[in-house]
Amino acid sequence: MTSKTQSTEGAMVEYVTAMIGGQLFGLPISRVQDVFMPERVTRVPLSSREIAGVLNLRGRIVTVVDMRARLGLPRAEDGKVPMAVGVD
């Protein structure tokens, strides 16, 4: 994950970027609350394929969305530890 800056009409907008399936995606940094490695993700029965489950993030229960599944990409087989971005 990296941070990029783009100018729009004189205003600077910063982005947190991530590579997913070889494509670069960006989220406005103002919307990003956390960047972390998810630990214990609890599966949710009967949830859709892109819902990886839920986890406890500092006392809050949050939904974990698998962006690879959401984008219709196959599971990563590279052995890298997945990263998570908490957004508002």
PDB file of N, CA and C in Angstrom:
ATOM      1  N   MET A   1       0.843  -1.163   0.000  1.00  0.00           N
ATOM      2  CA  MET A   1       0.000   0.000   0.000  1.00  0.00           C
ATOM      3  C   MET A   1       0.895   1.235   0.000  1.00  0.00           C
ATOM      4  N   THR A   2       0.489   2.189  -0.786  1.00  0.00           N
ATOM      5  CA  THR A   2       1.231   3.438  -0.851  1.00  0.00           C
ATOM      6  C   THR A   2       0.255   4.597  -0.860  1.00  0.00           C
ATOM      7  N   SER A   3       0.803   5.779  -0.757  1.00  0.00           N
ATOM      8  CA  SER A   3      -0.015   6.991  -0.797  1.00  0.00           C
ATOM      9  C   SER A   3       0.357   7.778  -2.042  1.00  0.00           C
ATOM     10  N   LYS A   4      -0.632   8.210  -2.791  1.00  0.00           N
ATOM     11  CA  LYS A   4      -0.417   9.016  -3.994  1.00  0.00           C
ATOM     12  C   LYS A   4      -1.195  10.311  -3.851  1.00  0.00           C
ATOM     13  N   THR A   5      -0.747  11.343  -4.557  1.00  0.00           N
ATOM     14  CA  THR A   5      -1.414  12.642  -4.519  1.00  0.00           C
ATOM     15  C   THR A   5      -1.825  13.025  -5.932  1.00  0.00           C
ATOM     16  N   GLN A   6      -3.003  13.603  -6.060  1.00  0.00           N
ATOM     17  CA  GLN A   6      -3.493  14.062  -7.356  1.00  0.00           C
ATOM     18  C   GLN A   6      -4.122  15.434  -7.160  1.00  0.00           C
ATOM     19  N   SER A   7      -3.911  16.314  -8.117  1.00  0.00           N
ATOM     20  CA  SER A   7      -4.479  17.656  -8.048  1.00  0.00           C
ATOM     21  C   SER A   7      -5.751  17.710  -8.881  1.00  0.00           C
ATOM     22  N   THR A   8      -6.834  18.191  -8.270  1.00  0.00           N
ATOM     23  CA  THR A   8      -8.084  18.381  -9.001  1.00  0.00           C
ATOM     24  C   THR A   8      -8.568  19.796  -8.734  1.00  0.00           C
ATOM     25  N   GLU A   9      -8.601  20.592  -9.786  1.00  0.00           N
ATOM     26  CA  GLU A   9      -9.051  21.982  -9.688  1.00  0.00           C
ATOM     27  C   GLU A   9      -8.321  22.750  -8.589  1.00  0.00           C
ATOM     28  N   GLY A  10      -7.023  22.559  -8.497  1.00  0.00           N
ATOM     29  CA  GLY A  10      -6.221  23.281  -7.520  1.00  0.00           C
ATOM     30  C   GLY A  10      -6.156  22.641  -6.149  1.00  0.00           C
ATOM     31  N   ALA A  11      -7.049  21.709  -5.840  1.00  0.00           N
ATOM     32  CA  ALA A  11      -7.043  21.039  -4.530  1.00  0.00           C
ATOM     33  C   ALA A  11      -6.241  19.745  -4.637  1.00  0.00           C
ATOM     34  N   MET A  12      -5.478  19.455  -3.607  1.00  0.00           N
ATOM     35  CA  MET A  12      -4.701  18.222  -3.570  1.00  0.00           C
ATOM     36  C   MET A  12      -5.540  17.130  -2.921  1.00  0.00           C
ATOM     37  N   VAL A  13      -5.612  15.986  -3.577  1.00  0.00           N
ATOM     38  CA  VAL A  13      -6.333  14.834  -3.047  1.00  0.00           C
ATOM     39  C   VAL A  13      -5.328  13.704  -2.891  1.00  0.00           C
ATOM     40  N   GLU A  14      -5.234  13.141  -1.689  1.00  0.00           N
ATOM     41  CA  GLU A  14      -4.315  12.034  -1.443  1.00  0.00           C
ATOM     42  C   GLU A  14      -5.079  10.724  -1.469  1.00  0.00           C
ATOM     43  N   TYR A  15      -4.422   9.686  -1.994  1.00  0.00           N
ATOM     44  CA  TYR A  15      -5.024   8.366  -2.114  1.00  0.00           C
ATOM     45  C   TYR A  15      -4.138   7.324  -1.448  1.00  0.00           C
ATOM     46  N   VAL A  16      -4.766   6.319  -0.878  1.00  0.00           N
ATOM     47  CA  VAL A  16      -4.077   5.104  -0.460  1.00  0.00           C
ATOM     48  C   VAL A  16      -4.277   4.135  -1.613  1.00  0.00           C
ATOM     49  N   THR A  17      -3.190   3.577  -2.133  1.00  0.00           N
ATOM     50  CA  THR A  17      -3.306   2.694  -3.288  1.00  0.00           C
ATOM     51  C   THR A  17      -2.935   1.269  -2.920  1.00  0.00           C
ATOM     52  N   ALA A  18      -3.524   0.332  -3.649  1.00  0.00           N
ATOM     53  CA  ALA A  18      -3.244  -1.090  -3.442  1.00  0.00           C
ATOM     54  C   ALA A  18      -3.329  -1.805  -4.783  1.00  0.00           C
ATOM     55  N   MET A  19      -2.500  -2.824  -4.943  1.00  0.00           N
ATOM     56  CA  MET A  19      -2.555  -3.668  -6.136  1.00  0.00           C
ATOM     57  C   MET A  19      -3.452  -4.857  -5.829  1.00  0.00           C
ATOM     58  N   ILE A  20      -4.459  -5.062  -6.659  1.00  0.00           N
ATOM     59  CA  ILE A  20      -5.356  -6.209  -6.522  1.00  0.00           C
ATOM     60  C   ILE A  20      -5.439  -6.862  -7.892  1.00  0.00           C
ATOM     61  N   GLY A  21      -4.947  -8.080  -7.977  1.00  0.00           N
ATOM     62  CA  GLY A  21      -4.987  -8.790  -9.259  1.00  0.00           C
ATOM     63  C   GLY A  21      -4.229  -8.083 -10.358  1.00  0.00           C
ATOM     64  N   GLY A  22      -3.136  -7.418 -10.012  1.00  0.00           N
ATOM     65  CA  GLY A  22      -2.326  -6.722 -11.005  1.00  0.00           C
ATOM     66  C   GLY A  22      -2.861  -5.362 -11.418  1.00  0.00           C
ATOM     67  N   GLN A  23      -3.960  -4.915 -10.811  1.00  0.00           N
ATOM     68  CA  GLN A  23      -4.524  -3.607 -11.118  1.00  0.00           C
ATOM     69  C   GLN A  23      -4.347  -2.683  -9.923  1.00  0.00           C
ATOM     70  N   LEU A  24      -4.109  -1.415 -10.189  1.00  0.00           N
ATOM     71  CA  LEU A  24      -3.920  -0.426  -9.139  1.00  0.00           C
ATOM     72  C   LEU A  24      -5.262   0.215  -8.792  1.00  0.00           C
ATOM     73  N   PHE A  25      -5.611   0.184  -7.504  1.00  0.00           N
ATOM     74  CA  PHE A  25      -6.839   0.794  -7.013  1.00  0.00           C
ATOM     75  C   PHE A  25      -6.475   1.852  -5.988  1.00  0.00           C
ATOM     76  N   GLY A  26      -7.276   2.900  -5.891  1.00  0.00           N
ATOM     77  CA  GLY A  26      -7.017   3.959  -4.925  1.00  0.00           C
ATOM     78  C   GLY A  26      -8.264   4.334  -4.159  1.00  0.00           C
ATOM     79  N   LEU A  27      -8.068   4.649  -2.894  1.00  0.00           N
ATOM     80  CA  LEU A  27      -9.142   5.141  -2.030  1.00  0.00           C
ATOM     81  C   LEU A  27      -8.721   6.499  -1.499  1.00  0.00           C
ATOM     82  N   PRO A  28      -9.628   7.477  -1.473  1.00  0.00           N
ATOM     83  CA  PRO A  28      -9.267   8.771  -0.884  1.00  0.00           C
ATOM     84  C   PRO A  28      -8.804   8.567   0.560  1.00  0.00           C
ATOM     85  N   ILE A  29      -7.671   9.135   0.889  1.00  0.00           N
ATOM     86  CA  ILE A  29      -7.089   8.935   2.216  1.00  0.00           C
ATOM     87  C   ILE A  29      -8.013   9.437   3.324  1.00  0.00           C
ATOM     88  N   SER A  30      -8.891  10.377   2.997  1.00  0.00           N
ATOM     89  CA  SER A  30      -9.823  10.899   4.000  1.00  0.00           C
ATOM     90  C   SER A  30     -10.856   9.855   4.416  1.00  0.00           C
ATOM     91  N   ARG A  31     -11.058   8.819   3.604  1.00  0.00           N
ATOM     92  CA  ARG A  31     -12.027   7.759   3.919  1.00  0.00           C
ATOM     93  C   ARG A  31     -11.391   6.576   4.643  1.00  0.00           C
ATOM     94  N   VAL A  32     -10.054   6.492   4.642  1.00  0.00           N
ATOM     95  CA  VAL A  32      -9.356   5.340   5.223  1.00  0.00           C
ATOM     96  C   VAL A  32      -9.153   5.543   6.719  1.00  0.00           C
ATOM     97  N   GLN A  33      -9.641   4.591   7.494  1.00  0.00           N
ATOM     98  CA  GLN A  33      -9.509   4.638   8.950  1.00  0.00           C
ATOM     99  C   GLN A  33      -8.315   3.825   9.438  1.00  0.00           C
ATOM    100  N   ASP A  34      -8.091   2.650   8.844  1.00  0.00           N
ATOM    101  CA  ASP A  34      -7.052   1.721   9.291  1.00  0.00           C
ATOM    102  C   ASP A  34      -6.477   0.969   8.102  1.00  0.00           C
ATOM    103  N   VAL A  35      -5.219   0.589   8.210  1.00  0.00           N
ATOM    104  CA  VAL A  35      -4.589  -0.375   7.315  1.00  0.00           C
ATOM    105  C   VAL A  35      -3.948  -1.396   8.239  1.00  0.00           C
ATOM    106  N   PHE A  36      -4.341  -2.669   8.084  1.00  0.00           N
ATOM    107  CA  PHE A  36      -3.880  -3.688   9.027  1.00  0.00           C
ATOM    108  C   PHE A  36      -3.897  -5.066   8.381  1.00  0.00           C
ATOM    109  N   MET A  37      -3.271  -6.027   9.065  1.00  0.00           N
ATOM    110  CA  MET A  37      -3.326  -7.423   8.657  1.00  0.00           C
ATOM    111  C   MET A  37      -4.429  -8.091   9.469  1.00  0.00           C
ATOM    112  N   PRO A  38      -5.481  -8.565   8.813  1.00  0.00           N
ATOM    113  CA  PRO A  38      -6.574  -9.190   9.561  1.00  0.00           C
ATOM    114  C   PRO A  38      -6.113 -10.487  10.211  1.00  0.00           C
ATOM    115  N   GLU A  39      -6.555 -10.683  11.431  1.00  0.00           N
ATOM    116  CA  GLU A  39      -6.179 -11.910  12.132  1.00  0.00           C
ATOM    117  C   GLU A  39      -7.340 -12.884  12.108  1.00  0.00           C
ATOM    118  N   ARG A  40      -8.062 -13.019  13.157  1.00  0.00           N
ATOM    119  CA  ARG A  40      -9.124 -14.022  13.217  1.00  0.00           C
ATOM    120  C   ARG A  40     -10.397 -13.520  12.545  1.00  0.00           C
ATOM    121  N   VAL A  41     -10.606 -13.966  11.320  1.00  0.00           N
ATOM    122  CA  VAL A  41     -11.828 -13.633  10.588  1.00  0.00           C
ATOM    123  C   VAL A  41     -12.813 -14.776  10.801  1.00  0.00           C
ATOM    124  N   THR A  42     -14.004 -14.448  11.270  1.00  0.00           N
ATOM    125  CA  THR A  42     -15.047 -15.445  11.514  1.00  0.00           C
ATOM    126  C   THR A  42     -15.978 -15.501  10.312  1.00  0.00           C
ATOM    127  N   ARG A  43     -16.100 -16.684   9.712  1.00  0.00           N
ATOM    128  CA  ARG A  43     -16.986 -16.864   8.559  1.00  0.00           C
ATOM    129  C   ARG A  43     -18.433 -16.626   8.967  1.00  0.00           C
ATOM    130  N   VAL A  44     -19.223 -16.128   8.041  1.00  0.00           N
ATOM    131  CA  VAL A  44     -20.644 -15.885   8.275  1.00  0.00           C
ATOM    132  C   VAL A  44     -21.430 -16.862   7.400  1.00  0.00           C
ATOM    133  N   PRO A  45     -22.175 -17.793   8.022  1.00  0.00           N
ATOM    134  CA  PRO A  45     -22.935 -18.765   7.227  1.00  0.00           C
ATOM    135  C   PRO A  45     -23.926 -18.073   6.288  1.00  0.00           C
ATOM    136  N   LEU A  46     -24.051 -18.628   5.089  1.00  0.00           N
ATOM    137  CA  LEU A  46     -24.998 -18.170   4.064  1.00  0.00           C
ATOM    138  C   LEU A  46     -24.713 -16.767   3.527  1.00  0.00           C
ATOM    139  N   SER A  47     -23.530 -16.218   3.816  1.00  0.00           N
ATOM    140  CA  SER A  47     -23.187 -14.901   3.261  1.00  0.00           C
ATOM    141  C   SER A  47     -22.741 -15.067   1.812  1.00  0.00           C
ATOM    142  N   SER A  48     -22.748 -13.978   1.071  1.00  0.00           N
ATOM    143  CA  SER A  48     -22.319 -14.040  -0.326  1.00  0.00           C
ATOM    144  C   SER A  48     -20.823 -14.312  -0.413  1.00  0.00           C
ATOM    145  N   ARG A  49     -20.379 -14.701  -1.594  1.00  0.00           N
ATOM    146  CA  ARG A  49     -18.994 -15.131  -1.811  1.00  0.00           C
ATOM    147  C   ARG A  49     -17.978 -14.052  -1.444  1.00  0.00           C
ATOM    148  N   GLU A  50     -18.305 -12.784  -1.694  1.00  0.00           N
ATOM    149  CA  GLU A  50     -17.327 -11.721  -1.427  1.00  0.00           C
ATOM    150  C   GLU A  50     -17.214 -11.348   0.048  1.00  0.00           C
ATOM    151  N   ILE A  51     -18.129 -11.809   0.882  1.00  0.00           N
ATOM    152  CA  ILE A  51     -18.031 -11.544   2.321  1.00  0.00           C
ATOM    153  C   ILE A  51     -17.136 -12.618   2.935  1.00  0.00           C
ATOM    154  N   ALA A  52     -15.920 -12.218   3.308  1.00  0.00           N
ATOM    155  CA  ALA A  52     -14.972 -13.165   3.899  1.00  0.00           C
ATOM    156  C   ALA A  52     -15.364 -13.510   5.327  1.00  0.00           C
ATOM    157  N   GLY A  53     -16.107 -12.627   5.985  1.00  0.00           N
ATOM    158  CA  GLY A  53     -16.541 -12.856   7.357  1.00  0.00           C
ATOM    159  C   GLY A  53     -16.592 -11.558   8.135  1.00  0.00           C
ATOM    160  N   VAL A  54     -16.451 -11.683   9.455  1.00  0.00           N
ATOM    161  CA  VAL A  54     -16.422 -10.519  10.340  1.00  0.00           C
ATOM    162  C   VAL A  54     -15.220 -10.645  11.260  1.00  0.00           C
ATOM    163  N   LEU A  55     -14.775  -9.510  11.788  1.00  0.00           N
ATOM    164  CA  LEU A  55     -13.685  -9.528  12.764  1.00  0.00           C
ATOM    165  C   LEU A  55     -13.901  -8.436  13.793  1.00  0.00           C
ATOM    166  N   ASN A  56     -13.194  -8.581  14.896  1.00  0.00           N
ATOM    167  CA  ASN A  56     -13.252  -7.604  15.982  1.00  0.00           C
ATOM    168  C   ASN A  56     -12.079  -6.646  15.795  1.00  0.00           C
ATOM    169  N   LEU A  57     -12.379  -5.396  15.501  1.00  0.00           N
ATOM    170  CA  LEU A  57     -11.348  -4.377  15.306  1.00  0.00           C
ATOM    171  C   LEU A  57     -11.459  -3.372  16.438  1.00  0.00           C
ATOM    172  N   ARG A  58     -10.618  -3.551  17.442  1.00  0.00           N
ATOM    173  CA  ARG A  58     -10.598  -2.682  18.623  1.00  0.00           C
ATOM    174  C   ARG A  58     -11.988  -2.513  19.238  1.00  0.00           C
ATOM    175  N   GLY A  59     -12.679  -3.642  19.410  1.00  0.00           N
ATOM    176  CA  GLY A  59     -13.970  -3.623  20.071  1.00  0.00           C
ATOM    177  C   GLY A  59     -15.162  -3.407  19.161  1.00  0.00           C
ATOM    178  N   ARG A  60     -14.916  -3.193  17.879  1.00  0.00           N
ATOM    179  CA  ARG A  60     -16.011  -3.030  16.911  1.00  0.00           C
ATOM    180  C   ARG A  60     -16.061  -4.260  16.013  1.00  0.00           C
ATOM    181  N   ILE A  61     -17.248  -4.769  15.760  1.00  0.00           N
ATOM    182  CA  ILE A  61     -17.404  -5.880  14.825  1.00  0.00           C
ATOM    183  C   ILE A  61     -17.565  -5.283  13.429  1.00  0.00           C
ATOM    184  N   VAL A  62     -16.656  -5.657  12.525  1.00  0.00           N
ATOM    185  CA  VAL A  62     -16.683  -5.104  11.170  1.00  0.00           C
ATOM    186  C   VAL A  62     -16.757  -6.235  10.143  1.00  0.00           C
ATOM    187  N   THR A  63     -17.380  -5.947   9.025  1.00  0.00           N
ATOM    188  CA  THR A  63     -17.508  -6.907   7.930  1.00  0.00           C
ATOM    189  C   THR A  63     -16.238  -6.887   7.094  1.00  0.00           C
ATOM    190  N   VAL A  64     -15.753  -8.067   6.728  1.00  0.00           N
ATOM    191  CA  VAL A  64     -14.562  -8.199   5.894  1.00  0.00           C
ATOM    192  C   VAL A  64     -15.013  -8.566   4.484  1.00  0.00           C
ATOM    193  N   VAL A  65     -14.706  -7.693   3.525  1.00  0.00           N
ATOM    194  CA  VAL A  65     -15.056  -7.936   2.127  1.00  0.00           C
ATOM    195  C   VAL A  65     -13.793  -8.370   1.393  1.00  0.00           C
ATOM    196  N   ASP A  66     -13.852  -9.516   0.721  1.00  0.00           N
ATOM    197  CA  ASP A  66     -12.737 -10.012  -0.083  1.00  0.00           C
ATOM    198  C   ASP A  66     -12.816  -9.316  -1.443  1.00  0.00           C
ATOM    199  N   MET A  67     -11.951  -8.336  -1.665  1.00  0.00           N
ATOM    200  CA  MET A  67     -12.024  -7.550  -2.897  1.00  0.00           C
ATOM    201  C   MET A  67     -11.703  -8.377  -4.135  1.00  0.00           C
ATOM    202  N   ARG A  68     -10.866  -9.398  -4.005  1.00  0.00           N
ATOM    203  CA  ARG A  68     -10.604 -10.266  -5.159  1.00  0.00           C
ATOM    204  C   ARG A  68     -11.898 -10.954  -5.590  1.00  0.00           C
ATOM    205  N   ALA A  69     -12.647 -11.489  -4.618  1.00  0.00           N
ATOM    206  CA  ALA A  69     -13.921 -12.146  -4.936  1.00  0.00           C
ATOM    207  C   ALA A  69     -14.919 -11.125  -5.473  1.00  0.00           C
ATOM    208  N   ARG A  70     -14.949  -9.941  -4.887  1.00  0.00           N
ATOM    209  CA  ARG A  70     -15.882  -8.888  -5.312  1.00  0.00           C
ATOM    210  C   ARG A  70     -15.632  -8.475  -6.760  1.00  0.00           C
ATOM    211  N   LEU A  71     -14.355  -8.500  -7.159  1.00  0.00           N
ATOM    212  CA  LEU A  71     -13.985  -8.123  -8.527  1.00  0.00           C
ATOM    213  C   LEU A  71     -14.014  -9.307  -9.494  1.00  0.00           C
ATOM    214  N   GLY A  72     -14.403 -10.493  -8.995  1.00  0.00           N
ATOM    215  CA  GLY A  72     -14.479 -11.677  -9.848  1.00  0.00           C
ATOM    216  C   GLY A  72     -13.135 -12.294 -10.166  1.00  0.00           C
ATOM    217  N   LEU A  73     -12.128 -12.036  -9.329  1.00  0.00           N
ATOM    218  CA  LEU A  73     -10.789 -12.580  -9.535  1.00  0.00           C
ATOM    219  C   LEU A  73     -10.624 -13.878  -8.751  1.00  0.00           C
ATOM    220  N   PRO A  74      -9.729 -14.770  -9.208  1.00  0.00           N
ATOM    221  CA  PRO A  74      -9.485 -16.007  -8.453  1.00  0.00           C
ATOM    222  C   PRO A  74      -8.732 -15.714  -7.157  1.00  0.00           C
ATOM    223  N   ARG A  75      -8.760 -16.672  -6.242  1.00  0.00           N
ATOM    224  CA  ARG A  75      -8.016 -16.537  -4.984  1.00  0.00           C
ATOM    225  C   ARG A  75      -6.529 -16.367  -5.271  1.00  0.00           C
ATOM    226  N   ALA A  76      -5.855 -15.594  -4.443  1.00  0.00           N
ATOM    227  CA  ALA A  76      -4.408 -15.404  -4.589  1.00  0.00           C
ATOM    228  C   ALA A  76      -3.699 -16.682  -4.157  1.00  0.00           C
ATOM    229  N   GLU A  77      -2.753 -17.122  -4.949  1.00  0.00           N
ATOM    230  CA  GLU A  77      -1.988 -18.331  -4.640  1.00  0.00           C
ATOM    231  C   GLU A  77      -0.522 -17.992  -4.383  1.00  0.00           C
ATOM    232  N   ASP A  78      -0.221 -16.713  -4.142  1.00  0.00           N
ATOM    233  CA  ASP A  78       1.171 -16.284  -4.021  1.00  0.00           C
ATOM    234  C   ASP A  78       1.742 -16.426  -2.618  1.00  0.00           C
ATOM    235  N   GLY A  79       0.923 -16.781  -1.633  1.00  0.00           N
ATOM    236  CA  GLY A  79       1.403 -16.977  -0.268  1.00  0.00           C
ATOM    237  C   GLY A  79       1.614 -15.697   0.516  1.00  0.00           C
ATOM    238  N   LYS A  80       1.307 -14.549  -0.066  1.00  0.00           N
ATOM    239  CA  LYS A  80       1.469 -13.281   0.649  1.00  0.00           C
ATOM    240  C   LYS A  80       0.382 -13.132   1.703  1.00  0.00           C
ATOM    241  N   VAL A  81       0.729 -12.472   2.795  1.00  0.00           N
ATOM    242  CA  VAL A  81      -0.239 -12.205   3.855  1.00  0.00           C
ATOM    243  C   VAL A  81      -1.205 -11.131   3.362  1.00  0.00           C
ATOM    244  N   PRO A  82      -2.521 -11.369   3.460  1.00  0.00           N
ATOM    245  CA  PRO A  82      -3.473 -10.357   2.988  1.00  0.00           C
ATOM    246  C   PRO A  82      -3.473  -9.121   3.880  1.00  0.00           C
ATOM    247  N   MET A  83      -3.708  -7.979   3.269  1.00  0.00           N
ATOM    248  CA  MET A  83      -3.827  -6.719   3.995  1.00  0.00           C
ATOM    249  C   MET A  83      -5.285  -6.297   3.974  1.00  0.00           C
ATOM    250  N   ALA A  84      -5.656  -5.485   4.950  1.00  0.00           N
ATOM    251  CA  ALA A  84      -7.022  -4.987   5.028  1.00  0.00           C
ATOM    252  C   ALA A  84      -6.988  -3.474   5.169  1.00  0.00           C
ATOM    253  N   VAL A  85      -7.990  -2.834   4.596  1.00  0.00           N
ATOM    254  CA  VAL A  85      -8.148  -1.391   4.706  1.00  0.00           C
ATOM    255  C   VAL A  85      -9.511  -1.139   5.332  1.00  0.00           C
ATOM    256  N   GLY A  86      -9.522  -0.457   6.466  1.00  0.00           N
ATOM    257  CA  GLY A  86     -10.775  -0.085   7.114  1.00  0.00           C
ATOM    258  C   GLY A  86     -11.204   1.267   6.595  1.00  0.00           C
ATOM    259  N   VAL A  87     -12.403   1.328   6.014  1.00  0.00           N
ATOM    260  CA  VAL A  87     -12.905   2.586   5.458  1.00  0.00           C
ATOM    261  C   VAL A  87     -14.144   3.040   6.206  1.00  0.00           C
ATOM    262  N   ASP A  88     -14.392   4.332   6.109  1.00  0.00           N
ATOM    263  CA  ASP A  88     -15.560   4.932   6.751  1.00  0.00           C
ATOM    264  C   ASP A  88     -16.723   4.907   5.801  1.00  0.00           C
TER     265      ASP A  88
END
